[in-house]
Amino acid sequence: MRILVVDDEAPIMALCLKILGRLGHDVEGATRGEEALSKLASGPVDLLVVDYKMPGINGFEVVRRARSLHPKLRVVLITGHGTREVMGEALDGGINGILVKPFTPDELASTISAAVE
């Protein structure tokens, strides 16, 4: 599966790329929303894993714009803010899975699996 991971925190992105790569996925990273949208414009991915809070374009805006390019795109949201407001916005936005920081490699793998089923 082709996965794009978007997170402005380099250690989080590196961990996701490493874990997902070891699970056999074709993974690519972006550190900003604008960079992610540029990569998505050049070709589709099967899954977008995106951080909620980033400088510039936030995760929800990345998802909105990404889905205008690829309407059936599956999305996992990473957040350090597991508040009702964020969770509600994620559900309203059709997010397929949510990971609350900090998360374990097993939580990442199971959330990814559930999001693409």
PDB file of N, CA and C in Angstrom:
ATOM      1  N   MET A   1       0.848  -1.170   0.000  1.00  0.00           N
ATOM      2  CA  MET A   1       0.000   0.000   0.000  1.00  0.00           C
ATOM      3  C   MET A   1       0.896   1.236   0.000  1.00  0.00           C
ATOM      4  N   ARG A   2       0.502   2.245  -0.759  1.00  0.00           N
ATOM      5  CA  ARG A   2       1.261   3.502  -0.828  1.00  0.00           C
ATOM      6  C   ARG A   2       0.694   4.471   0.206  1.00  0.00           C
ATOM      7  N   ILE A   3       1.569   4.931   1.118  1.00  0.00           N
ATOM      8  CA  ILE A   3       1.153   5.780   2.232  1.00  0.00           C
ATOM      9  C   ILE A   3       1.993   7.054   2.253  1.00  0.00           C
ATOM     10  N   LEU A   4       1.314   8.187   2.433  1.00  0.00           N
ATOM     11  CA  LEU A   4       1.983   9.470   2.626  1.00  0.00           C
ATOM     12  C   LEU A   4       1.785   9.884   4.078  1.00  0.00           C
ATOM     13  N   VAL A   5       2.897  10.096   4.787  1.00  0.00           N
ATOM     14  CA  VAL A   5       2.876  10.516   6.191  1.00  0.00           C
ATOM     15  C   VAL A   5       3.254  11.991   6.238  1.00  0.00           C
ATOM     16  N   VAL A   6       2.413  12.790   6.908  1.00  0.00           N
ATOM     17  CA  VAL A   6       2.647  14.234   6.987  1.00  0.00           C
ATOM     18  C   VAL A   6       2.690  14.645   8.457  1.00  0.00           C
ATOM     19  N   ASP A   7       3.853  15.072   8.916  1.00  0.00           N
ATOM     20  CA  ASP A   7       4.000  15.536  10.296  1.00  0.00           C
ATOM     21  C   ASP A   7       5.175  16.483  10.356  1.00  0.00           C
ATOM     22  N   ASP A   8       4.994  17.618  11.021  1.00  0.00           N
ATOM     23  CA  ASP A   8       6.071  18.596  11.130  1.00  0.00           C
ATOM     24  C   ASP A   8       7.092  18.210  12.190  1.00  0.00           C
ATOM     25  N   GLU A   9       6.791  17.211  13.008  1.00  0.00           N
ATOM     26  CA  GLU A   9       7.741  16.728  14.018  1.00  0.00           C
ATOM     27  C   GLU A   9       8.551  15.588  13.408  1.00  0.00           C
ATOM     28  N   ALA A  10       9.818  15.868  13.100  1.00  0.00           N
ATOM     29  CA  ALA A  10      10.672  14.904  12.414  1.00  0.00           C
ATOM     30  C   ALA A  10      10.735  13.538  13.117  1.00  0.00           C
ATOM     31  N   PRO A  11      10.860  13.473  14.453  1.00  0.00           N
ATOM     32  CA  PRO A  11      10.927  12.155  15.089  1.00  0.00           C
ATOM     33  C   PRO A  11       9.651  11.323  14.898  1.00  0.00           C
ATOM     34  N   ILE A  12       8.497  11.981  14.936  1.00  0.00           N
ATOM     35  CA  ILE A  12       7.224  11.273  14.742  1.00  0.00           C
ATOM     36  C   ILE A  12       7.140  10.756  13.306  1.00  0.00           C
ATOM     37  N   MET A  13       7.477  11.612  12.349  1.00  0.00           N
ATOM     38  CA  MET A  13       7.420  11.192  10.950  1.00  0.00           C
ATOM     39  C   MET A  13       8.408  10.055  10.693  1.00  0.00           C
ATOM     40  N   ALA A  14       9.624  10.181  11.207  1.00  0.00           N
ATOM     41  CA  ALA A  14      10.627   9.139  10.993  1.00  0.00           C
ATOM     42  C   ALA A  14      10.177   7.807  11.582  1.00  0.00           C
ATOM     43  N   LEU A  15       9.575   7.841  12.767  1.00  0.00           N
ATOM     44  CA  LEU A  15       9.079   6.622  13.395  1.00  0.00           C
ATOM     45  C   LEU A  15       7.980   5.984  12.541  1.00  0.00           C
ATOM     46  N   CYS A  16       7.041   6.792  12.073  1.00  0.00           N
ATOM     47  CA  CYS A  16       5.952   6.271  11.226  1.00  0.00           C
ATOM     48  C   CYS A  16       6.502   5.661   9.947  1.00  0.00           C
ATOM     49  N   LEU A  17       7.426   6.356   9.299  1.00  0.00           N
ATOM     50  CA  LEU A  17       8.011   5.852   8.056  1.00  0.00           C
ATOM     51  C   LEU A  17       8.730   4.524   8.294  1.00  0.00           C
ATOM     52  N   LYS A  18       9.470   4.446   9.375  1.00  0.00           N
ATOM     53  CA  LYS A  18      10.217   3.226   9.696  1.00  0.00           C
ATOM     54  C   LYS A  18       9.271   2.054   9.960  1.00  0.00           C
ATOM     55  N   ILE A  19       8.279   2.269  10.806  1.00  0.00           N
ATOM     56  CA  ILE A  19       7.345   1.197  11.161  1.00  0.00           C
ATOM     57  C   ILE A  19       6.558   0.742   9.940  1.00  0.00           C
ATOM     58  N   LEU A  20       5.996   1.686   9.204  1.00  0.00           N
ATOM     59  CA  LEU A  20       5.180   1.335   8.042  1.00  0.00           C
ATOM     60  C   LEU A  20       6.017   0.695   6.937  1.00  0.00           C
ATOM     61  N   GLY A  21       7.241   1.140   6.775  1.00  0.00           N
ATOM     62  CA  GLY A  21       8.151   0.516   5.809  1.00  0.00           C
ATOM     63  C   GLY A  21       8.459  -0.926   6.182  1.00  0.00           C
ATOM     64  N   ARG A  22       8.683  -1.165   7.461  1.00  0.00           N
ATOM     65  CA  ARG A  22       8.950  -2.540   7.931  1.00  0.00           C
ATOM     66  C   ARG A  22       7.738  -3.452   7.742  1.00  0.00           C
ATOM     67  N   LEU A  23       6.552  -2.845   7.725  1.00  0.00           N
ATOM     68  CA  LEU A  23       5.326  -3.629   7.506  1.00  0.00           C
ATOM     69  C   LEU A  23       5.078  -3.887   6.015  1.00  0.00           C
ATOM     70  N   GLY A  24       5.998  -3.406   5.180  1.00  0.00           N
ATOM     71  CA  GLY A  24       5.917  -3.684   3.753  1.00  0.00           C
ATOM     72  C   GLY A  24       5.218  -2.638   2.908  1.00  0.00           C
ATOM     73  N   HIS A  25       4.915  -1.494   3.502  1.00  0.00           N
ATOM     74  CA  HIS A  25       4.243  -0.441   2.756  1.00  0.00           C
ATOM     75  C   HIS A  25       5.254   0.442   2.022  1.00  0.00           C
ATOM     76  N   ASP A  26       4.817   1.025   0.929  1.00  0.00           N
ATOM     77  CA  ASP A  26       5.593   2.008   0.179  1.00  0.00           C
ATOM     78  C   ASP A  26       5.273   3.358   0.815  1.00  0.00           C
ATOM     79  N   VAL A  27       6.211   3.926   1.564  1.00  0.00           N
ATOM     80  CA  VAL A  27       5.930   5.131   2.336  1.00  0.00           C
ATOM     81  C   VAL A  27       6.760   6.320   1.874  1.00  0.00           C
ATOM     82  N   GLU A  28       6.159   7.485   2.026  1.00  0.00           N
ATOM     83  CA  GLU A  28       6.813   8.747   1.700  1.00  0.00           C
ATOM     84  C   GLU A  28       6.410   9.745   2.773  1.00  0.00           C
ATOM     85  N   GLY A  29       7.254  10.722   3.028  1.00  0.00           N
ATOM     86  CA  GLY A  29       6.962  11.696   4.068  1.00  0.00           C
ATOM     87  C   GLY A  29       6.938  13.121   3.548  1.00  0.00           C
ATOM     88  N   ALA A  30       6.248  13.961   4.306  1.00  0.00           N
ATOM     89  CA  ALA A  30       6.217  15.398   4.057  1.00  0.00           C
ATOM     90  C   ALA A  30       6.161  16.090   5.417  1.00  0.00           C
ATOM     91  N   THR A  31       6.832  17.224   5.538  1.00  0.00           N
ATOM     92  CA  THR A  31       6.879  17.914   6.829  1.00  0.00           C
ATOM     93  C   THR A  31       5.899  19.082   6.925  1.00  0.00           C
ATOM     94  N   ARG A  32       5.258  19.408   5.822  1.00  0.00           N
ATOM     95  CA  ARG A  32       4.290  20.519   5.814  1.00  0.00           C
ATOM     96  C   ARG A  32       3.115  20.150   4.918  1.00  0.00           C
ATOM     97  N   GLY A  33       1.989  20.780   5.204  1.00  0.00           N
ATOM     98  CA  GLY A  33       0.794  20.514   4.421  1.00  0.00           C
ATOM     99  C   GLY A  33       0.958  20.845   2.951  1.00  0.00           C
ATOM    100  N   GLU A  34       1.622  21.952   2.672  1.00  0.00           N
ATOM    101  CA  GLU A  34       1.824  22.368   1.289  1.00  0.00           C
ATOM    102  C   GLU A  34       2.630  21.333   0.521  1.00  0.00           C
ATOM    103  N   GLU A  35       3.662  20.792   1.166  1.00  0.00           N
ATOM    104  CA  GLU A  35       4.501  19.761   0.548  1.00  0.00           C
ATOM    105  C   GLU A  35       3.676  18.499   0.276  1.00  0.00           C
ATOM    106  N   ALA A  36       2.815  18.135   1.215  1.00  0.00           N
ATOM    107  CA  ALA A  36       1.964  16.961   1.045  1.00  0.00           C
ATOM    108  C   ALA A  36       1.035  17.135  -0.149  1.00  0.00           C
ATOM    109  N   LEU A  37       0.417  18.304  -0.265  1.00  0.00           N
ATOM    110  CA  LEU A  37      -0.503  18.554  -1.370  1.00  0.00           C
ATOM    111  C   LEU A  37       0.214  18.518  -2.716  1.00  0.00           C
ATOM    112  N   SER A  38       1.444  18.992  -2.747  1.00  0.00           N
ATOM    113  CA  SER A  38       2.237  18.924  -3.971  1.00  0.00           C
ATOM    114  C   SER A  38       2.505  17.469  -4.357  1.00  0.00           C
ATOM    115  N   LYS A  39       2.838  16.652  -3.380  1.00  0.00           N
ATOM    116  CA  LYS A  39       3.084  15.230  -3.646  1.00  0.00           C
ATOM    117  C   LYS A  39       1.801  14.535  -4.088  1.00  0.00           C
ATOM    118  N   LEU A  40       0.682  14.884  -3.484  1.00  0.00           N
ATOM    119  CA  LEU A  40      -0.596  14.273  -3.853  1.00  0.00           C
ATOM    120  C   LEU A  40      -1.033  14.693  -5.261  1.00  0.00           C
ATOM    121  N   ALA A  41      -0.668  15.893  -5.661  1.00  0.00           N
ATOM    122  CA  ALA A  41      -1.024  16.367  -7.002  1.00  0.00           C
ATOM    123  C   ALA A  41      -0.270  15.592  -8.075  1.00  0.00           C
ATOM    124  N   SER A  42       0.903  15.046  -7.715  1.00  0.00           N
ATOM    125  CA  SER A  42       1.696  14.310  -8.700  1.00  0.00           C
ATOM    126  C   SER A  42       1.292  12.841  -8.806  1.00  0.00           C
ATOM    127  N   GLY A  43       0.438  12.377  -7.898  1.00  0.00           N
ATOM    128  CA  GLY A  43      -0.020  10.994  -7.972  1.00  0.00           C
ATOM    129  C   GLY A  43      -0.740  10.588  -6.706  1.00  0.00           C
ATOM    130  N   PRO A  44      -1.691   9.667  -6.838  1.00  0.00           N
ATOM    131  CA  PRO A  44      -2.491   9.265  -5.676  1.00  0.00           C
ATOM    132  C   PRO A  44      -1.734   8.354  -4.712  1.00  0.00           C
ATOM    133  N   VAL A  45      -2.230   8.317  -3.492  1.00  0.00           N
ATOM    134  CA  VAL A  45      -1.756   7.369  -2.491  1.00  0.00           C
ATOM    135  C   VAL A  45      -2.979   6.591  -1.999  1.00  0.00           C
ATOM    136  N   ASP A  46      -2.726   5.471  -1.341  1.00  0.00           N
ATOM    137  CA  ASP A  46      -3.819   4.668  -0.789  1.00  0.00           C
ATOM    138  C   ASP A  46      -4.284   5.201   0.554  1.00  0.00           C
ATOM    139  N   LEU A  47      -3.344   5.806   1.287  1.00  0.00           N
ATOM    140  CA  LEU A  47      -3.651   6.283   2.629  1.00  0.00           C
ATOM    141  C   LEU A  47      -2.824   7.516   2.947  1.00  0.00           C
ATOM    142  N   LEU A  48      -3.475   8.483   3.574  1.00  0.00           N
ATOM    143  CA  LEU A  48      -2.817   9.696   4.062  1.00  0.00           C
ATOM    144  C   LEU A  48      -2.821   9.638   5.581  1.00  0.00           C
ATOM    145  N   VAL A  49      -1.640   9.730   6.182  1.00  0.00           N
ATOM    146  CA  VAL A  49      -1.510   9.795   7.636  1.00  0.00           C
ATOM    147  C   VAL A  49      -1.020  11.208   7.919  1.00  0.00           C
ATOM    148  N   VAL A  50      -1.861  12.016   8.586  1.00  0.00           N
ATOM    149  CA  VAL A  50      -1.568  13.447   8.681  1.00  0.00           C
ATOM    150  C   VAL A  50      -1.745  13.953  10.112  1.00  0.00           C
ATOM    151  N   ASP A  51      -0.804  14.792  10.530  1.00  0.00           N
ATOM    152  CA  ASP A  51      -0.872  15.428  11.844  1.00  0.00           C
ATOM    153  C   ASP A  51      -1.937  16.514  11.830  1.00  0.00           C
ATOM    154  N   TYR A  52      -2.625  16.649  12.942  1.00  0.00           N
ATOM    155  CA  TYR A  52      -3.683  17.661  13.075  1.00  0.00           C
ATOM    156  C   TYR A  52      -3.106  19.070  13.092  1.00  0.00           C
ATOM    157  N   LYS A  53      -2.117  19.293  13.954  1.00  0.00           N
ATOM    158  CA  LYS A  53      -1.607  20.647  14.158  1.00  0.00           C
ATOM    159  C   LYS A  53      -0.213  20.784  13.546  1.00  0.00           C
ATOM    160  N   MET A  54      -0.149  21.607  12.493  1.00  0.00           N
ATOM    161  CA  MET A  54       1.114  21.877  11.810  1.00  0.00           C
ATOM    162  C   MET A  54       1.155  23.356  11.453  1.00  0.00           C
ATOM    163  N   PRO A  55       2.346  23.902  11.262  1.00  0.00           N
ATOM    164  CA  PRO A  55       2.426  25.290  10.817  1.00  0.00           C
ATOM    165  C   PRO A  55       1.868  25.421   9.401  1.00  0.00           C
ATOM    166  N   GLY A  56       1.278  26.556   9.112  1.00  0.00           N
ATOM    167  CA  GLY A  56       0.690  26.748   7.785  1.00  0.00           C
ATOM    168  C   GLY A  56      -0.666  26.075   7.730  1.00  0.00           C
ATOM    169  N   ILE A  57      -0.813  25.120   6.840  1.00  0.00           N
ATOM    170  CA  ILE A  57      -2.080  24.418   6.654  1.00  0.00           C
ATOM    171  C   ILE A  57      -2.210  23.315   7.704  1.00  0.00           C
ATOM    172  N   ASN A  58      -3.317  23.306   8.451  1.00  0.00           N
ATOM    173  CA  ASN A  58      -3.483  22.242   9.453  1.00  0.00           C
ATOM    174  C   ASN A  58      -3.957  20.951   8.782  1.00  0.00           C
ATOM    175  N   GLY A  59      -3.989  19.883   9.564  1.00  0.00           N
ATOM    176  CA  GLY A  59      -4.324  18.566   9.038  1.00  0.00           C
ATOM    177  C   GLY A  59      -5.684  18.486   8.383  1.00  0.00           C
ATOM    178  N   PHE A  60      -6.697  19.121   8.973  1.00  0.00           N
ATOM    179  CA  PHE A  60      -8.039  19.067   8.393  1.00  0.00           C
ATOM    180  C   PHE A  60      -8.099  19.760   7.037  1.00  0.00           C
ATOM    181  N   GLU A  61      -7.362  20.848   6.899  1.00  0.00           N
ATOM    182  CA  GLU A  61      -7.337  21.542   5.607  1.00  0.00           C
ATOM    183  C   GLU A  61      -6.583  20.706   4.570  1.00  0.00           C
ATOM    184  N   VAL A  62      -5.517  20.039   4.983  1.00  0.00           N
ATOM    185  CA  VAL A  62      -4.807  19.133   4.070  1.00  0.00           C
ATOM    186  C   VAL A  62      -5.770  18.051   3.582  1.00  0.00           C
ATOM    187  N   VAL A  63      -6.542  17.483   4.501  1.00  0.00           N
ATOM    188  CA  VAL A  63      -7.497  16.429   4.136  1.00  0.00           C
ATOM    189  C   VAL A  63      -8.544  16.969   3.161  1.00  0.00           C
ATOM    190  N   ARG A  64      -9.090  18.125   3.461  1.00  0.00           N
ATOM    191  CA  ARG A  64     -10.114  18.712   2.587  1.00  0.00           C
ATOM    192  C   ARG A  64      -9.579  18.902   1.168  1.00  0.00           C
ATOM    193  N   ARG A  65      -8.383  19.477   1.067  1.00  0.00           N
ATOM    194  CA  ARG A  65      -7.796  19.721  -0.258  1.00  0.00           C
ATOM    195  C   ARG A  65      -7.385  18.419  -0.934  1.00  0.00           C
ATOM    196  N   ALA A  66      -6.851  17.485  -0.149  1.00  0.00           N
ATOM    197  CA  ALA A  66      -6.432  16.189  -0.711  1.00  0.00           C
ATOM    198  C   ALA A  66      -7.633  15.438  -1.275  1.00  0.00           C
ATOM    199  N   ARG A  67      -8.742  15.503  -0.580  1.00  0.00           N
ATOM    200  CA  ARG A  67      -9.939  14.799  -1.060  1.00  0.00           C
ATOM    201  C   ARG A  67     -10.564  15.482  -2.269  1.00  0.00           C
ATOM    202  N   SER A  68     -10.257  16.739  -2.488  1.00  0.00           N
ATOM    203  CA  SER A  68     -10.739  17.369  -3.730  1.00  0.00           C
ATOM    204  C   SER A  68      -9.973  16.788  -4.924  1.00  0.00           C
ATOM    205  N   LEU A  69      -8.744  16.328  -4.679  1.00  0.00           N
ATOM    206  CA  LEU A  69      -7.942  15.670  -5.718  1.00  0.00           C
ATOM    207  C   LEU A  69      -8.271  14.184  -5.821  1.00  0.00           C
ATOM    208  N   HIS A  70      -8.468  13.552  -4.679  1.00  0.00           N
ATOM    209  CA  HIS A  70      -8.683  12.105  -4.594  1.00  0.00           C
ATOM    210  C   HIS A  70      -9.837  11.842  -3.619  1.00  0.00           C
ATOM    211  N   PRO A  71     -11.077  11.903  -4.094  1.00  0.00           N
ATOM    212  CA  PRO A  71     -12.257  11.844  -3.219  1.00  0.00           C
ATOM    213  C   PRO A  71     -12.363  10.608  -2.318  1.00  0.00           C
ATOM    214  N   LYS A  72     -11.826   9.485  -2.737  1.00  0.00           N
ATOM    215  CA  LYS A  72     -11.954   8.257  -1.944  1.00  0.00           C
ATOM    216  C   LYS A  72     -10.751   8.006  -1.039  1.00  0.00           C
ATOM    217  N   LEU A  73      -9.891   9.004  -0.889  1.00  0.00           N
ATOM    218  CA  LEU A  73      -8.686   8.876  -0.084  1.00  0.00           C
ATOM    219  C   LEU A  73      -9.016   8.507   1.358  1.00  0.00           C
ATOM    220  N   ARG A  74      -8.348   7.483   1.869  1.00  0.00           N
ATOM    221  CA  ARG A  74      -8.491   7.064   3.263  1.00  0.00           C
ATOM    222  C   ARG A  74      -7.506   7.895   4.093  1.00  0.00           C
ATOM    223  N   VAL A  75      -7.923   8.260   5.315  1.00  0.00           N
ATOM    224  CA  VAL A  75      -7.119   9.180   6.130  1.00  0.00           C
ATOM    225  C   VAL A  75      -7.060   8.727   7.578  1.00  0.00           C
ATOM    226  N   VAL A  76      -5.837   8.774   8.139  1.00  0.00           N
ATOM    227  CA  VAL A  76      -5.627   8.613   9.578  1.00  0.00           C
ATOM    228  C   VAL A  76      -5.083   9.939  10.089  1.00  0.00           C
ATOM    229  N   LEU A  77      -5.713  10.469  11.131  1.00  0.00           N
ATOM    230  CA  LEU A  77      -5.311  11.732  11.741  1.00  0.00           C
ATOM    231  C   LEU A  77      -4.469  11.440  12.977  1.00  0.00           C
ATOM    232  N   ILE A  78      -3.318  12.100  13.072  1.00  0.00           N
ATOM    233  CA  ILE A  78      -2.473  12.031  14.266  1.00  0.00           C
ATOM    234  C   ILE A  78      -2.708  13.315  15.052  1.00  0.00           C
ATOM    235  N   THR A  79      -2.942  13.188  16.349  1.00  0.00           N
ATOM    236  CA  THR A  79      -3.163  14.389  17.155  1.00  0.00           C
ATOM    237  C   THR A  79      -2.621  14.223  18.561  1.00  0.00           C
ATOM    238  N   GLY A  80      -2.131  15.305  19.089  1.00  0.00           N
ATOM    239  CA  GLY A  80      -1.756  15.373  20.490  1.00  0.00           C
ATOM    240  C   GLY A  80      -2.893  15.962  21.302  1.00  0.00           C
ATOM    241  N   HIS A  81      -3.983  16.293  20.602  1.00  0.00           N
ATOM    242  CA  HIS A  81      -5.132  16.955  21.207  1.00  0.00           C
ATOM    243  C   HIS A  81      -6.361  16.067  21.053  1.00  0.00           C
ATOM    244  N   GLY A  82      -6.467  15.040  21.860  1.00  0.00           N
ATOM    245  CA  GLY A  82      -7.588  14.113  21.757  1.00  0.00           C
ATOM    246  C   GLY A  82      -8.844  14.651  22.416  1.00  0.00           C
ATOM    247  N   THR A  83      -9.148  15.910  22.186  1.00  0.00           N
ATOM    248  CA  THR A  83     -10.320  16.541  22.803  1.00  0.00           C
ATOM    249  C   THR A  83     -11.589  16.149  22.047  1.00  0.00           C
ATOM    250  N   ARG A  84     -12.714  16.373  22.682  1.00  0.00           N
ATOM    251  CA  ARG A  84     -13.998  16.094  22.027  1.00  0.00           C
ATOM    252  C   ARG A  84     -14.153  16.906  20.749  1.00  0.00           C
ATOM    253  N   GLU A  85     -13.685  18.140  20.798  1.00  0.00           N
ATOM    254  CA  GLU A  85     -13.796  19.019  19.624  1.00  0.00           C
ATOM    255  C   GLU A  85     -13.036  18.443  18.434  1.00  0.00           C
ATOM    256  N   VAL A  86     -11.786  18.032  18.660  1.00  0.00           N
ATOM    257  CA  VAL A  86     -10.971  17.456  17.582  1.00  0.00           C
ATOM    258  C   VAL A  86     -11.586  16.146  17.103  1.00  0.00           C
ATOM    259  N   MET A  87     -11.998  15.291  18.036  1.00  0.00           N
ATOM    260  CA  MET A  87     -12.596  14.006  17.671  1.00  0.00           C
ATOM    261  C   MET A  87     -13.882  14.219  16.877  1.00  0.00           C
ATOM    262  N   GLY A  88     -14.700  15.181  17.299  1.00  0.00           N
ATOM    263  CA  GLY A  88     -15.934  15.481  16.584  1.00  0.00           C
ATOM    264  C   GLY A  88     -15.669  15.982  15.180  1.00  0.00           C
ATOM    265  N   GLU A  89     -14.693  16.873  15.057  1.00  0.00           N
ATOM    266  CA  GLU A  89     -14.344  17.406  13.737  1.00  0.00           C
ATOM    267  C   GLU A  89     -13.813  16.288  12.838  1.00  0.00           C
ATOM    268  N   ALA A  90     -13.048  15.369  13.426  1.00  0.00           N
ATOM    269  CA  ALA A  90     -12.511  14.240  12.662  1.00  0.00           C
ATOM    270  C   ALA A  90     -13.641  13.350  12.145  1.00  0.00           C
ATOM    271  N   LEU A  91     -14.588  13.051  13.007  1.00  0.00           N
ATOM    272  CA  LEU A  91     -15.719  12.216  12.593  1.00  0.00           C
ATOM    273  C   LEU A  91     -16.555  12.919  11.528  1.00  0.00           C
ATOM    274  N   ASP A  92     -16.813  14.217  11.731  1.00  0.00           N
ATOM    275  CA  ASP A  92     -17.582  14.993  10.753  1.00  0.00           C
ATOM    276  C   ASP A  92     -16.860  15.073   9.410  1.00  0.00           C
ATOM    277  N   GLY A  93     -15.526  15.065   9.459  1.00  0.00           N
ATOM    278  CA  GLY A  93     -14.726  15.174   8.234  1.00  0.00           C
ATOM    279  C   GLY A  93     -14.461  13.855   7.548  1.00  0.00           C
ATOM    280  N   GLY A  94     -15.032  12.782   8.065  1.00  0.00           N
ATOM    281  CA  GLY A  94     -14.861  11.484   7.423  1.00  0.00           C
ATOM    282  C   GLY A  94     -13.490  10.863   7.611  1.00  0.00           C
ATOM    283  N   ILE A  95     -12.820  11.222   8.693  1.00  0.00           N
ATOM    284  CA  ILE A  95     -11.518  10.633   8.994  1.00  0.00           C
ATOM    285  C   ILE A  95     -11.727   9.152   9.300  1.00  0.00           C
ATOM    286  N   ASN A  96     -10.851   8.304   8.752  1.00  0.00           N
ATOM    287  CA  ASN A  96     -11.011   6.855   8.881  1.00  0.00           C
ATOM    288  C   ASN A  96     -10.347   6.260  10.111  1.00  0.00           C
ATOM    289  N   GLY A  97      -9.456   7.026  10.752  1.00  0.00           N
ATOM    290  CA  GLY A  97      -8.791   6.555  11.960  1.00  0.00           C
ATOM    291  C   GLY A  97      -8.106   7.713  12.662  1.00  0.00           C
ATOM    292  N   ILE A  98      -7.962   7.578  13.983  1.00  0.00           N
ATOM    293  CA  ILE A  98      -7.322   8.628  14.781  1.00  0.00           C
ATOM    294  C   ILE A  98      -6.266   7.993  15.674  1.00  0.00           C
ATOM    295  N   LEU A  99      -5.084   8.587  15.685  1.00  0.00           N
ATOM    296  CA  LEU A  99      -4.000   8.184  16.578  1.00  0.00           C
ATOM    297  C   LEU A  99      -3.704   9.346  17.513  1.00  0.00           C
ATOM    298  N   VAL A 100      -3.777   9.107  18.807  1.00  0.00           N
ATOM    299  CA  VAL A 100      -3.470  10.152  19.783  1.00  0.00           C
ATOM    300  C   VAL A 100      -2.034   9.939  20.264  1.00  0.00           C
ATOM    301  N   LYS A 101      -1.219  11.019  20.159  1.00  0.00           N
ATOM    302  CA  LYS A 101       0.169  10.978  20.633  1.00  0.00           C
ATOM    303  C   LYS A 101       0.180  10.940  22.153  1.00  0.00           C
ATOM    304  N   PRO A 102       1.093  10.222  22.741  1.00  0.00           N
ATOM    305  CA  PRO A 102       2.028   9.293  22.104  1.00  0.00           C
ATOM    306  C   PRO A 102       1.328   7.978  21.773  1.00  0.00           C
ATOM    307  N   PHE A 103       1.782   7.322  20.726  1.00  0.00           N
ATOM    308  CA  PHE A 103       1.199   6.043  20.331  1.00  0.00           C
ATOM    309  C   PHE A 103       2.315   5.020  20.154  1.00  0.00           C
ATOM    310  N   THR A 104       1.942   3.766  20.217  1.00  0.00           N
ATOM    311  CA  THR A 104       2.908   2.672  20.085  1.00  0.00           C
ATOM    312  C   THR A 104       2.949   2.194  18.634  1.00  0.00           C
ATOM    313  N   PRO A 105       3.985   1.474  18.258  1.00  0.00           N
ATOM    314  CA  PRO A 105       4.013   0.889  16.913  1.00  0.00           C
ATOM    315  C   PRO A 105       2.803  -0.009  16.643  1.00  0.00           C
ATOM    316  N   ASP A 106       2.373  -0.763  17.648  1.00  0.00           N
ATOM    317  CA  ASP A 106       1.204  -1.627  17.476  1.00  0.00           C
ATOM    318  C   ASP A 106      -0.063  -0.808  17.244  1.00  0.00           C
ATOM    319  N   GLU A 107      -0.201   0.310  17.946  1.00  0.00           N
ATOM    320  CA  GLU A 107      -1.369   1.175  17.744  1.00  0.00           C
ATOM    321  C   GLU A 107      -1.363   1.768  16.335  1.00  0.00           C
ATOM    322  N   LEU A 108      -0.183   2.152  15.854  1.00  0.00           N
ATOM    323  CA  LEU A 108      -0.066   2.675  14.491  1.00  0.00           C
ATOM    324  C   LEU A 108      -0.500   1.603  13.493  1.00  0.00           C
ATOM    325  N   ALA A 109       0.049   0.406  13.630  1.00  0.00           N
ATOM    326  CA  ALA A 109      -0.267  -0.678  12.696  1.00  0.00           C
ATOM    327  C   ALA A 109      -1.752  -1.035  12.712  1.00  0.00           C
ATOM    328  N   SER A 110      -2.346  -1.132  13.893  1.00  0.00           N
ATOM    329  CA  SER A 110      -3.758  -1.523  13.962  1.00  0.00           C
ATOM    330  C   SER A 110      -4.674  -0.416  13.449  1.00  0.00           C
ATOM    331  N   THR A 111      -4.323   0.840  13.690  1.00  0.00           N
ATOM    332  CA  THR A 111      -5.127   1.958  13.190  1.00  0.00           C
ATOM    333  C   THR A 111      -5.069   2.018  11.667  1.00  0.00           C
ATOM    334  N   ILE A 112      -3.889   1.789  11.099  1.00  0.00           N
ATOM    335  CA  ILE A 112      -3.727   1.771   9.642  1.00  0.00           C
ATOM    336  C   ILE A 112      -4.568   0.641   9.047  1.00  0.00           C
ATOM    337  N   SER A 113      -4.483  -0.528   9.637  1.00  0.00           N
ATOM    338  CA  SER A 113      -5.250  -1.681   9.131  1.00  0.00           C
ATOM    339  C   SER A 113      -6.749  -1.415   9.164  1.00  0.00           C
ATOM    340  N   ALA A 114      -7.227  -0.880  10.274  1.00  0.00           N
ATOM    341  CA  ALA A 114      -8.658  -0.601  10.414  1.00  0.00           C
ATOM    342  C   ALA A 114      -9.120   0.482   9.439  1.00  0.00           C
ATOM    343  N   ALA A 115      -8.260   1.456   9.175  1.00  0.00           N
ATOM    344  CA  ALA A 115      -8.639   2.577   8.310  1.00  0.00           C
ATOM    345  C   ALA A 115      -8.821   2.176   6.852  1.00  0.00           C
ATOM    346  N   VAL A 116      -8.143   1.133   6.429  1.00  0.00           N
ATOM    347  CA  VAL A 116      -8.218   0.749   5.018  1.00  0.00           C
ATOM    348  C   VAL A 116      -9.148  -0.438   4.772  1.00  0.00           C
ATOM    349  N   GLU A 117      -9.761  -0.957   5.804  1.00  0.00           N
ATOM    350  CA  GLU A 117     -10.696  -2.083   5.627  1.00  0.00           C
ATOM    351  C   GLU A 117     -11.997  -1.626   5.020  1.00  0.00           C
TER     352      GLU A 117
END
